[in-house]
Amino acid sequence: MSELRLGLTYHEVRPPPQTDKRFTMRKENSVENIAAFIEEVAQGRHQAKYKSQDIPSVAEPGRAQVIVNEDFKNWVLEGDKDIFILFYSVYSQASMGALGLWERLAAMRYPGIVFATFDIRENDFPDEALGAWKLIAAYDIETQGPGGEGKGLPGMIYYKKNAAHDPALYSGPHDMEELEDFVKQALANPVKPGKSKPVPSS
């Protein structure tokens, strides 16, 4: 028995880089089975899968936590701490520098906050992260230069534990002093992080 993998697209309002929903049929390839499978998907009887790395172990104290598609909800919506996530790509040079900053911030062990990283090339944005994606995408468009290069990556998004559905974008300079100030303000505010200082236009 061979396995047929069908990529069925539901045209929902989902921004890129979210990929199509993937549904897998593990039955013998026949017209009847394919027709039945499509009908079952349409009726919501199959769960879609998105691209995700394996769920990592909990990071050691003083280290940044890796978050992937499949455990995003657990950390952000169901966790008991604030989460400051670095959305990055290995193809972004600025992201590489930001990863170093994130490890330094994590090493400071602020109580009540988790510094986390999310690789957007290896993980689709889960539903719970679409708000973050919109913030990153809007900032990218806002900062585009003549060559079409924006500053969307790395995207630094802060989630308050009691306001996770209303994340805040950090758009300030990528240096430790400014990031520390932002984190301290965010921790002191029980509702939503304070705004970061905008990066001066060049």
N, C-alpha and C. Protein backbone atom coordinates (compact mmCIF):
# COMPACT_ATOMS: atom_id res chain seq x y z
N MET A 1 0.84 -1.19 0.00
CA MET A 1 0.00 0.00 0.00
C MET A 1 0.89 1.25 0.00
N SER A 2 0.72 2.10 -0.97
CA SER A 2 1.51 3.32 -1.01
C SER A 2 0.80 4.41 -0.23
N GLU A 3 1.55 5.44 0.10
CA GLU A 3 1.00 6.54 0.87
C GLU A 3 0.90 7.77 -0.01
N LEU A 4 -0.25 8.37 -0.05
CA LEU A 4 -0.47 9.56 -0.87
C LEU A 4 -0.56 10.78 0.04
N ARG A 5 0.28 11.75 -0.23
CA ARG A 5 0.24 12.98 0.56
C ARG A 5 -0.37 14.07 -0.31
N LEU A 6 -1.49 14.61 0.15
CA LEU A 6 -2.17 15.66 -0.59
C LEU A 6 -2.02 16.97 0.15
N GLY A 7 -1.65 18.00 -0.59
CA GLY A 7 -1.58 19.34 -0.01
C GLY A 7 -2.81 20.11 -0.44
N LEU A 8 -3.83 20.14 0.40
CA LEU A 8 -5.07 20.85 0.08
C LEU A 8 -5.00 22.25 0.67
N THR A 9 -5.31 23.23 -0.13
CA THR A 9 -5.23 24.62 0.31
C THR A 9 -6.60 25.15 0.68
N TYR A 10 -6.71 25.68 1.87
CA TYR A 10 -7.90 26.41 2.26
C TYR A 10 -7.55 27.89 2.14
N HIS A 11 -8.29 28.60 1.31
CA HIS A 11 -7.95 30.00 1.06
C HIS A 11 -8.52 30.89 2.17
N GLU A 12 -7.89 30.82 3.31
CA GLU A 12 -8.29 31.64 4.45
C GLU A 12 -7.45 32.92 4.43
N VAL A 13 -7.75 33.82 5.33
CA VAL A 13 -6.96 35.04 5.43
C VAL A 13 -5.75 34.72 6.30
N ARG A 14 -4.70 34.24 5.68
CA ARG A 14 -3.47 33.88 6.38
C ARG A 14 -2.32 34.54 5.67
N PRO A 15 -1.59 35.41 6.32
CA PRO A 15 -0.47 36.08 5.64
C PRO A 15 0.70 35.14 5.43
N PRO A 16 1.51 35.37 4.40
CA PRO A 16 2.77 34.63 4.29
C PRO A 16 3.66 35.06 5.44
N PRO A 17 4.64 34.28 5.94
CA PRO A 17 5.11 33.06 5.32
C PRO A 17 4.36 31.80 5.73
N GLN A 18 3.16 31.92 6.28
CA GLN A 18 2.37 30.73 6.63
C GLN A 18 2.14 29.90 5.37
N THR A 19 2.49 28.65 5.42
CA THR A 19 2.31 27.80 4.25
C THR A 19 0.90 27.22 4.24
N ASP A 20 0.59 26.53 3.16
CA ASP A 20 -0.73 25.90 3.05
C ASP A 20 -0.90 24.86 4.14
N LYS A 21 -2.17 24.61 4.48
CA LYS A 21 -2.45 23.53 5.42
C LYS A 21 -2.18 22.20 4.73
N ARG A 22 -1.57 21.29 5.45
CA ARG A 22 -1.22 19.99 4.88
C ARG A 22 -2.04 18.89 5.55
N PHE A 23 -2.72 18.11 4.75
CA PHE A 23 -3.50 16.98 5.23
C PHE A 23 -2.95 15.72 4.58
N THR A 24 -2.73 14.67 5.34
CA THR A 24 -2.11 13.46 4.82
C THR A 24 -3.12 12.31 4.75
N MET A 25 -3.22 11.68 3.57
CA MET A 25 -4.08 10.51 3.41
C MET A 25 -3.20 9.27 3.41
N ARG A 26 -3.46 8.35 4.32
CA ARG A 26 -2.69 7.12 4.40
C ARG A 26 -3.59 5.92 4.08
N LYS A 27 -4.05 5.92 2.86
CA LYS A 27 -4.89 4.83 2.37
C LYS A 27 -4.42 4.46 0.98
N GLU A 28 -4.93 3.33 0.51
CA GLU A 28 -4.60 2.92 -0.85
C GLU A 28 -5.09 3.97 -1.85
N ASN A 29 -4.26 4.23 -2.86
CA ASN A 29 -4.61 5.24 -3.86
C ASN A 29 -5.72 4.72 -4.77
N SER A 30 -6.87 5.32 -4.63
CA SER A 30 -7.99 4.98 -5.52
C SER A 30 -8.87 6.22 -5.62
N VAL A 31 -9.65 6.27 -6.68
CA VAL A 31 -10.55 7.41 -6.88
C VAL A 31 -11.51 7.53 -5.71
N GLU A 32 -12.03 6.40 -5.25
CA GLU A 32 -12.99 6.41 -4.14
C GLU A 32 -12.37 6.93 -2.86
N ASN A 33 -11.15 6.43 -2.54
CA ASN A 33 -10.49 6.87 -1.31
C ASN A 33 -10.13 8.35 -1.35
N ILE A 34 -9.66 8.82 -2.51
CA ILE A 34 -9.31 10.24 -2.62
C ILE A 34 -10.55 11.11 -2.47
N ALA A 35 -11.64 10.71 -3.12
CA ALA A 35 -12.88 11.48 -3.02
C ALA A 35 -13.38 11.52 -1.58
N ALA A 36 -13.31 10.37 -0.89
CA ALA A 36 -13.76 10.30 0.51
C ALA A 36 -12.86 11.16 1.40
N PHE A 37 -11.55 11.13 1.12
CA PHE A 37 -10.60 11.91 1.91
C PHE A 37 -10.87 13.40 1.77
N ILE A 38 -11.09 13.86 0.54
CA ILE A 38 -11.37 15.29 0.32
C ILE A 38 -12.64 15.70 1.05
N GLU A 39 -13.64 14.84 1.02
CA GLU A 39 -14.89 15.14 1.72
C GLU A 39 -14.67 15.22 3.23
N GLU A 40 -13.86 14.32 3.77
CA GLU A 40 -13.56 14.32 5.20
C GLU A 40 -12.82 15.59 5.61
N VAL A 41 -11.87 16.04 4.77
CA VAL A 41 -11.15 17.29 5.06
C VAL A 41 -12.12 18.46 5.09
N ALA A 42 -13.02 18.51 4.08
CA ALA A 42 -13.99 19.59 4.00
C ALA A 42 -14.90 19.62 5.22
N GLN A 43 -15.16 18.45 5.79
CA GLN A 43 -16.03 18.35 6.97
C GLN A 43 -15.26 18.59 8.28
N GLY A 44 -13.97 18.83 8.19
CA GLY A 44 -13.18 19.10 9.38
C GLY A 44 -12.81 17.88 10.19
N ARG A 45 -12.76 16.73 9.54
CA ARG A 45 -12.47 15.48 10.25
C ARG A 45 -10.99 15.11 10.23
N HIS A 46 -10.16 15.97 9.66
CA HIS A 46 -8.72 15.76 9.67
C HIS A 46 -8.04 17.02 10.21
N GLN A 47 -7.02 16.83 11.00
CA GLN A 47 -6.29 17.96 11.57
C GLN A 47 -5.12 18.33 10.68
N ALA A 48 -5.01 19.62 10.38
CA ALA A 48 -3.92 20.09 9.52
C ALA A 48 -2.62 20.15 10.30
N LYS A 49 -1.53 20.03 9.57
CA LYS A 49 -0.20 20.13 10.17
C LYS A 49 0.56 21.27 9.51
N TYR A 50 1.33 21.96 10.30
CA TYR A 50 2.17 23.02 9.78
C TYR A 50 3.64 22.66 10.02
N LYS A 51 4.49 23.30 9.27
CA LYS A 51 5.92 23.05 9.40
C LYS A 51 6.39 23.43 10.80
N SER A 52 7.10 22.52 11.44
CA SER A 52 7.61 22.78 12.79
C SER A 52 8.84 21.93 13.05
N GLN A 53 9.80 22.52 13.74
CA GLN A 53 10.91 21.73 14.24
C GLN A 53 10.41 20.87 15.39
N ASP A 54 11.20 19.88 15.80
CA ASP A 54 10.84 19.08 16.95
C ASP A 54 10.79 19.97 18.19
N ILE A 55 9.90 19.64 19.11
CA ILE A 55 9.79 20.42 20.35
C ILE A 55 11.07 20.23 21.17
N PRO A 56 11.76 21.34 21.47
CA PRO A 56 13.02 21.22 22.21
C PRO A 56 12.79 21.06 23.71
N SER A 57 13.83 20.71 24.41
CA SER A 57 13.75 20.63 25.86
C SER A 57 13.78 22.04 26.45
N VAL A 58 13.42 22.13 27.71
CA VAL A 58 13.45 23.43 28.39
C VAL A 58 14.90 23.86 28.56
N ALA A 59 15.16 25.11 28.22
CA ALA A 59 16.52 25.63 28.28
C ALA A 59 17.04 25.70 29.72
N GLU A 60 18.32 25.57 29.85
CA GLU A 60 18.95 25.73 31.16
C GLU A 60 18.80 27.17 31.63
N PRO A 61 18.79 27.40 32.94
CA PRO A 61 18.71 28.78 33.45
C PRO A 61 19.83 29.64 32.86
N GLY A 62 19.46 30.83 32.44
CA GLY A 62 20.45 31.73 31.86
C GLY A 62 20.67 31.55 30.37
N ARG A 63 19.87 30.67 29.73
CA ARG A 63 19.96 30.46 28.29
C ARG A 63 18.63 30.80 27.64
N ALA A 64 18.67 31.26 26.39
CA ALA A 64 17.45 31.56 25.65
C ALA A 64 16.69 30.26 25.33
N GLN A 65 15.37 30.32 25.42
CA GLN A 65 14.53 29.17 25.15
C GLN A 65 14.16 29.12 23.67
N VAL A 66 14.36 27.98 23.03
CA VAL A 66 13.93 27.80 21.65
C VAL A 66 12.46 27.42 21.65
N ILE A 67 11.65 28.17 20.89
CA ILE A 67 10.23 27.88 20.74
C ILE A 67 9.97 27.52 19.29
N VAL A 68 9.15 26.50 19.06
CA VAL A 68 8.82 26.08 17.70
C VAL A 68 7.31 26.18 17.50
N ASN A 69 6.88 25.95 16.27
CA ASN A 69 5.45 26.07 15.96
C ASN A 69 4.58 25.28 16.94
N GLU A 70 4.94 24.03 17.19
CA GLU A 70 4.07 23.13 17.95
C GLU A 70 3.98 23.41 19.44
N ASP A 71 4.93 24.18 20.00
CA ASP A 71 4.83 24.48 21.42
C ASP A 71 4.66 25.98 21.69
N PHE A 72 4.37 26.74 20.64
CA PHE A 72 4.19 28.19 20.80
C PHE A 72 3.04 28.50 21.76
N LYS A 73 1.91 27.84 21.54
CA LYS A 73 0.73 28.09 22.40
C LYS A 73 1.06 27.78 23.86
N ASN A 74 1.76 26.70 24.10
CA ASN A 74 2.09 26.30 25.46
C ASN A 74 2.91 27.37 26.18
N TRP A 75 3.89 27.93 25.46
CA TRP A 75 4.75 28.95 26.07
C TRP A 75 4.07 30.30 26.19
N VAL A 76 3.41 30.73 25.13
CA VAL A 76 2.91 32.11 25.08
C VAL A 76 1.54 32.29 25.72
N LEU A 77 0.59 31.44 25.37
CA LEU A 77 -0.77 31.62 25.86
C LEU A 77 -1.03 30.93 27.19
N GLU A 78 -0.30 29.86 27.45
CA GLU A 78 -0.59 29.08 28.65
C GLU A 78 0.53 29.14 29.69
N GLY A 79 1.58 29.90 29.39
CA GLY A 79 2.69 30.01 30.33
C GLY A 79 2.39 30.99 31.46
N ASP A 80 3.22 30.98 32.48
CA ASP A 80 3.01 31.85 33.64
C ASP A 80 4.04 32.97 33.72
N LYS A 81 4.73 33.22 32.60
CA LYS A 81 5.73 34.29 32.57
C LYS A 81 5.55 35.13 31.30
N ASP A 82 6.11 36.34 31.34
CA ASP A 82 6.18 37.14 30.13
C ASP A 82 7.16 36.46 29.18
N ILE A 83 6.92 36.62 27.88
CA ILE A 83 7.78 36.02 26.87
C ILE A 83 8.25 37.11 25.90
N PHE A 84 9.55 37.25 25.75
CA PHE A 84 10.12 38.18 24.78
C PHE A 84 10.77 37.32 23.70
N ILE A 85 10.14 37.31 22.51
CA ILE A 85 10.57 36.38 21.45
C ILE A 85 11.31 37.10 20.34
N LEU A 86 12.42 36.52 19.96
CA LEU A 86 13.18 36.98 18.80
C LEU A 86 12.80 36.10 17.61
N PHE A 87 12.05 36.67 16.66
CA PHE A 87 11.72 35.98 15.42
C PHE A 87 12.86 36.27 14.44
N TYR A 88 13.54 35.23 13.99
CA TYR A 88 14.75 35.46 13.20
C TYR A 88 14.84 34.50 12.03
N SER A 89 15.79 34.79 11.15
CA SER A 89 16.13 33.89 10.05
C SER A 89 17.64 33.85 9.91
N VAL A 90 18.17 32.67 9.66
CA VAL A 90 19.62 32.56 9.48
C VAL A 90 20.08 33.28 8.23
N TYR A 91 19.15 33.64 7.35
CA TYR A 91 19.50 34.35 6.13
C TYR A 91 19.51 35.87 6.32
N SER A 92 19.22 36.31 7.53
CA SER A 92 19.25 37.73 7.87
C SER A 92 20.49 38.01 8.70
N GLN A 93 21.39 38.84 8.17
CA GLN A 93 22.63 39.14 8.89
C GLN A 93 22.34 39.81 10.22
N ALA A 94 21.34 40.69 10.24
CA ALA A 94 21.00 41.37 11.49
C ALA A 94 20.51 40.38 12.55
N SER A 95 19.89 39.29 12.11
CA SER A 95 19.40 38.29 13.05
C SER A 95 20.53 37.63 13.82
N MET A 96 21.65 37.43 13.15
CA MET A 96 22.78 36.76 13.81
C MET A 96 23.29 37.59 14.99
N GLY A 97 23.36 38.89 14.80
CA GLY A 97 23.77 39.76 15.90
C GLY A 97 22.74 39.77 17.01
N ALA A 98 21.47 39.74 16.64
CA ALA A 98 20.40 39.75 17.63
C ALA A 98 20.39 38.48 18.47
N LEU A 99 20.76 37.35 17.87
CA LEU A 99 20.83 36.09 18.64
C LEU A 99 21.84 36.21 19.77
N GLY A 100 22.95 36.88 19.50
CA GLY A 100 23.93 37.11 20.56
C GLY A 100 23.37 37.98 21.67
N LEU A 101 22.63 39.03 21.31
CA LEU A 101 22.00 39.89 22.31
C LEU A 101 21.02 39.09 23.16
N TRP A 102 20.27 38.20 22.53
CA TRP A 102 19.27 37.42 23.25
C TRP A 102 19.91 36.50 24.29
N GLU A 103 21.04 35.92 23.94
CA GLU A 103 21.74 35.07 24.91
C GLU A 103 22.25 35.91 26.08
N ARG A 104 22.71 37.11 25.79
CA ARG A 104 23.19 37.99 26.88
C ARG A 104 22.03 38.42 27.78
N LEU A 105 20.87 38.72 27.17
CA LEU A 105 19.71 39.09 27.97
C LEU A 105 19.24 37.92 28.83
N ALA A 106 19.21 36.74 28.25
CA ALA A 106 18.78 35.56 28.99
C ALA A 106 19.72 35.29 30.17
N ALA A 107 21.01 35.54 29.97
CA ALA A 107 22.00 35.30 31.02
C ALA A 107 21.79 36.21 32.22
N MET A 108 21.06 37.32 32.03
CA MET A 108 20.81 38.24 33.14
C MET A 108 19.71 37.73 34.07
N ARG A 109 18.96 36.72 33.62
CA ARG A 109 17.96 36.04 34.44
C ARG A 109 16.96 36.99 35.10
N TYR A 110 16.30 37.79 34.28
CA TYR A 110 15.24 38.64 34.82
C TYR A 110 14.12 37.76 35.37
N PRO A 111 13.67 38.02 36.60
CA PRO A 111 12.57 37.20 37.14
C PRO A 111 11.27 37.50 36.39
N GLY A 112 10.52 36.45 36.09
CA GLY A 112 9.22 36.64 35.46
C GLY A 112 9.23 36.78 33.96
N ILE A 113 10.38 36.56 33.32
CA ILE A 113 10.43 36.70 31.87
C ILE A 113 11.27 35.59 31.24
N VAL A 114 10.82 35.12 30.09
CA VAL A 114 11.55 34.13 29.31
C VAL A 114 11.99 34.79 28.01
N PHE A 115 13.27 34.72 27.72
CA PHE A 115 13.78 35.18 26.43
C PHE A 115 13.80 33.97 25.50
N ALA A 116 13.12 34.08 24.37
CA ALA A 116 12.95 32.94 23.49
C ALA A 116 13.30 33.30 22.05
N THR A 117 13.61 32.28 21.26
CA THR A 117 13.90 32.48 19.84
C THR A 117 12.97 31.60 19.01
N PHE A 118 12.63 32.09 17.81
CA PHE A 118 11.73 31.37 16.91
C PHE A 118 12.27 31.52 15.50
N ASP A 119 12.68 30.42 14.89
CA ASP A 119 13.26 30.42 13.55
C ASP A 119 12.14 30.38 12.51
N ILE A 120 11.94 31.49 11.79
CA ILE A 120 10.82 31.56 10.86
C ILE A 120 11.05 30.77 9.58
N ARG A 121 12.28 30.32 9.33
CA ARG A 121 12.54 29.49 8.16
C ARG A 121 12.24 28.02 8.43
N GLU A 122 12.36 27.63 9.67
CA GLU A 122 12.14 26.23 10.03
C GLU A 122 10.77 25.97 10.63
N ASN A 123 10.02 27.04 10.89
CA ASN A 123 8.70 26.91 11.51
C ASN A 123 7.71 27.85 10.85
N ASP A 124 6.51 27.35 10.54
CA ASP A 124 5.44 28.23 10.11
C ASP A 124 4.94 29.02 11.31
N PHE A 125 4.41 30.21 11.04
CA PHE A 125 3.79 30.98 12.12
C PHE A 125 2.51 30.26 12.54
N PRO A 126 2.40 29.87 13.82
CA PRO A 126 1.14 29.27 14.27
C PRO A 126 0.05 30.33 14.39
N ASP A 127 -1.18 29.89 14.52
CA ASP A 127 -2.29 30.85 14.64
C ASP A 127 -2.03 31.85 15.76
N GLU A 128 -1.46 31.37 16.86
CA GLU A 128 -1.24 32.24 18.03
C GLU A 128 -0.19 33.31 17.77
N ALA A 129 0.57 33.19 16.68
CA ALA A 129 1.63 34.16 16.39
C ALA A 129 1.28 35.09 15.23
N LEU A 130 0.06 35.01 14.71
CA LEU A 130 -0.28 35.86 13.57
C LEU A 130 -0.27 37.34 13.93
N GLY A 131 -0.61 37.65 15.18
CA GLY A 131 -0.53 39.05 15.62
C GLY A 131 0.90 39.55 15.55
N ALA A 132 1.84 38.71 15.94
CA ALA A 132 3.26 39.08 15.86
C ALA A 132 3.68 39.25 14.41
N TRP A 133 3.22 38.34 13.56
CA TRP A 133 3.57 38.44 12.14
C TRP A 133 3.10 39.77 11.56
N LYS A 134 1.90 40.19 11.90
CA LYS A 134 1.36 41.45 11.36
C LYS A 134 2.19 42.64 11.83
N LEU A 135 2.61 42.61 13.09
CA LEU A 135 3.46 43.70 13.60
C LEU A 135 4.79 43.74 12.85
N ILE A 136 5.40 42.58 12.66
CA ILE A 136 6.69 42.50 11.97
C ILE A 136 6.54 42.94 10.52
N ALA A 137 5.49 42.47 9.85
CA ALA A 137 5.28 42.80 8.44
C ALA A 137 5.02 44.30 8.26
N ALA A 138 4.21 44.88 9.16
CA ALA A 138 3.91 46.31 9.06
C ALA A 138 5.17 47.15 9.26
N TYR A 139 5.99 46.74 10.22
CA TYR A 139 7.24 47.47 10.47
C TYR A 139 8.19 47.33 9.29
N ASP A 140 8.20 46.17 8.66
CA ASP A 140 9.05 45.95 7.50
C ASP A 140 8.66 46.89 6.37
N ILE A 141 7.37 47.02 6.12
CA ILE A 141 6.89 47.93 5.07
C ILE A 141 7.20 49.37 5.43
N GLU A 142 7.00 49.71 6.68
CA GLU A 142 7.22 51.09 7.15
C GLU A 142 8.68 51.52 7.00
N THR A 143 9.60 50.58 7.13
CA THR A 143 11.03 50.93 7.13
C THR A 143 11.73 50.61 5.81
N GLN A 144 11.00 50.26 4.78
CA GLN A 144 11.63 49.91 3.51
C GLN A 144 12.34 51.10 2.90
N GLY A 145 13.56 50.82 2.44
CA GLY A 145 14.35 51.84 1.77
C GLY A 145 14.16 51.78 0.27
N PRO A 146 14.95 52.57 -0.47
CA PRO A 146 14.83 52.59 -1.93
C PRO A 146 15.04 51.23 -2.58
N GLY A 147 15.85 50.39 -1.96
CA GLY A 147 16.12 49.07 -2.53
C GLY A 147 15.10 48.02 -2.14
N GLY A 148 14.07 48.41 -1.41
CA GLY A 148 13.05 47.47 -0.99
C GLY A 148 13.38 46.67 0.25
N GLU A 149 14.50 47.01 0.90
CA GLU A 149 14.90 46.30 2.12
C GLU A 149 14.27 46.96 3.34
N GLY A 150 13.51 46.18 4.08
CA GLY A 150 12.92 46.69 5.31
C GLY A 150 13.66 46.17 6.52
N LYS A 151 13.17 46.51 7.70
CA LYS A 151 13.81 46.10 8.95
C LYS A 151 12.92 45.16 9.75
N GLY A 152 12.15 44.33 9.05
CA GLY A 152 11.24 43.43 9.74
C GLY A 152 11.94 42.34 10.52
N LEU A 153 13.10 41.92 10.05
CA LEU A 153 13.87 40.90 10.75
C LEU A 153 15.19 41.48 11.24
N PRO A 154 15.58 41.13 12.44
CA PRO A 154 14.87 40.27 13.38
C PRO A 154 13.66 40.99 13.99
N GLY A 155 12.60 40.24 14.21
CA GLY A 155 11.42 40.80 14.85
C GLY A 155 11.43 40.48 16.33
N MET A 156 11.31 41.50 17.17
CA MET A 156 11.37 41.33 18.62
C MET A 156 10.00 41.65 19.21
N ILE A 157 9.31 40.63 19.67
CA ILE A 157 7.92 40.77 20.12
C ILE A 157 7.79 40.38 21.59
N TYR A 158 7.15 41.26 22.35
CA TYR A 158 6.97 41.02 23.80
C TYR A 158 5.52 40.65 24.09
N TYR A 159 5.35 39.53 24.79
CA TYR A 159 4.03 39.05 25.20
C TYR A 159 3.91 39.13 26.72
N LYS A 160 2.94 39.89 27.21
CA LYS A 160 2.64 39.87 28.64
C LYS A 160 1.84 38.62 28.96
N LYS A 161 2.09 38.02 30.11
CA LYS A 161 1.41 36.77 30.44
C LYS A 161 -0.10 36.94 30.57
N ASN A 162 -0.55 38.15 30.93
CA ASN A 162 -1.99 38.37 31.07
C ASN A 162 -2.56 39.17 29.90
N ALA A 163 -1.77 39.33 28.83
CA ALA A 163 -2.24 40.05 27.65
C ALA A 163 -1.55 39.49 26.40
N ALA A 164 -1.48 38.16 26.33
CA ALA A 164 -0.72 37.51 25.26
C ALA A 164 -1.32 37.73 23.88
N HIS A 165 -2.61 38.08 23.83
CA HIS A 165 -3.24 38.30 22.52
C HIS A 165 -2.98 39.72 22.01
N ASP A 166 -2.26 40.51 22.77
CA ASP A 166 -1.97 41.89 22.36
C ASP A 166 -0.47 42.15 22.50
N PRO A 167 0.35 41.50 21.66
CA PRO A 167 1.81 41.64 21.80
C PRO A 167 2.30 43.01 21.37
N ALA A 168 3.51 43.35 21.81
CA ALA A 168 4.12 44.64 21.47
C ALA A 168 5.41 44.41 20.71
N LEU A 169 5.62 45.21 19.69
CA LEU A 169 6.84 45.15 18.89
C LEU A 169 7.91 46.05 19.49
N TYR A 170 9.11 45.52 19.64
CA TYR A 170 10.26 46.36 19.99
C TYR A 170 10.88 46.83 18.69
N SER A 171 10.94 48.15 18.50
CA SER A 171 11.49 48.69 17.26
C SER A 171 12.64 49.65 17.52
N GLY A 172 13.22 49.55 18.71
CA GLY A 172 14.32 50.43 19.06
C GLY A 172 15.66 49.93 18.57
N PRO A 173 16.72 50.64 18.93
CA PRO A 173 18.07 50.22 18.53
C PRO A 173 18.42 48.84 19.09
N HIS A 174 19.21 48.11 18.34
CA HIS A 174 19.61 46.77 18.77
C HIS A 174 20.86 46.84 19.63
N ASP A 175 20.71 47.38 20.83
CA ASP A 175 21.83 47.39 21.76
C ASP A 175 21.31 47.05 23.16
N MET A 176 22.19 46.58 23.99
CA MET A 176 21.80 46.06 25.29
C MET A 176 21.11 47.08 26.18
N GLU A 177 21.64 48.30 26.20
CA GLU A 177 21.07 49.32 27.09
C GLU A 177 19.60 49.60 26.76
N GLU A 178 19.30 49.78 25.48
CA GLU A 178 17.93 50.07 25.08
C GLU A 178 17.02 48.87 25.32
N LEU A 179 17.51 47.68 25.03
CA LEU A 179 16.71 46.48 25.25
C LEU A 179 16.43 46.26 26.73
N GLU A 180 17.43 46.50 27.57
CA GLU A 180 17.23 46.37 29.01
C GLU A 180 16.19 47.36 29.51
N ASP A 181 16.24 48.59 29.04
CA ASP A 181 15.25 49.59 29.44
C ASP A 181 13.85 49.15 29.05
N PHE A 182 13.72 48.63 27.84
CA PHE A 182 12.42 48.17 27.36
C PHE A 182 11.90 47.03 28.23
N VAL A 183 12.78 46.08 28.55
CA VAL A 183 12.38 44.94 29.37
C VAL A 183 11.95 45.38 30.76
N LYS A 184 12.68 46.29 31.35
CA LYS A 184 12.33 46.78 32.70
C LYS A 184 10.98 47.48 32.69
N GLN A 185 10.72 48.30 31.66
CA GLN A 185 9.42 48.96 31.55
C GLN A 185 8.30 47.94 31.36
N ALA A 186 8.57 46.94 30.53
CA ALA A 186 7.56 45.92 30.26
C ALA A 186 7.22 45.13 31.52
N LEU A 187 8.23 44.77 32.30
CA LEU A 187 8.00 44.02 33.53
C LEU A 187 7.24 44.85 34.55
N ALA A 188 7.48 46.16 34.56
CA ALA A 188 6.83 47.03 35.53
C ALA A 188 5.37 47.33 35.16
N ASN A 189 5.02 47.12 33.89
CA ASN A 189 3.67 47.42 33.42
C ASN A 189 2.84 46.13 33.46
N PRO A 190 1.77 46.09 34.26
CA PRO A 190 1.00 44.84 34.37
C PRO A 190 0.12 44.55 33.16
N VAL A 191 -0.06 45.52 32.27
CA VAL A 191 -0.98 45.34 31.15
C VAL A 191 -0.26 45.12 29.84
N LYS A 192 0.61 46.05 29.44
CA LYS A 192 1.27 45.96 28.15
C LYS A 192 2.63 46.64 28.23
N PRO A 193 3.61 46.15 27.48
CA PRO A 193 4.94 46.76 27.49
C PRO A 193 4.90 48.21 27.04
N GLY A 194 5.84 49.01 27.55
CA GLY A 194 5.97 50.38 27.06
C GLY A 194 6.52 50.38 25.66
N LYS A 195 6.39 51.49 24.99
CA LYS A 195 6.88 51.56 23.61
C LYS A 195 8.40 51.75 23.61
N SER A 196 9.03 51.14 22.61
CA SER A 196 10.47 51.30 22.46
C SER A 196 10.75 52.60 21.74
N LYS A 197 11.97 53.09 21.92
CA LYS A 197 12.38 54.29 21.20
C LYS A 197 12.58 53.93 19.74
N PRO A 198 12.00 54.70 18.82
CA PRO A 198 12.18 54.36 17.40
C PRO A 198 13.61 54.53 16.95
N VAL A 199 13.99 53.72 15.98
CA VAL A 199 15.33 53.85 15.41
C VAL A 199 15.36 55.11 14.55
N PRO A 200 16.36 55.98 14.76
CA PRO A 200 16.43 57.21 13.94
C PRO A 200 16.53 56.86 12.46
N SER A 201 15.79 57.61 11.64
CA SER A 201 15.84 57.36 10.20
C SER A 201 17.18 57.81 9.65
N SER A 202 17.71 57.01 8.71
CA SER A 202 19.02 57.32 8.16
C SER A 202 18.89 58.17 6.91
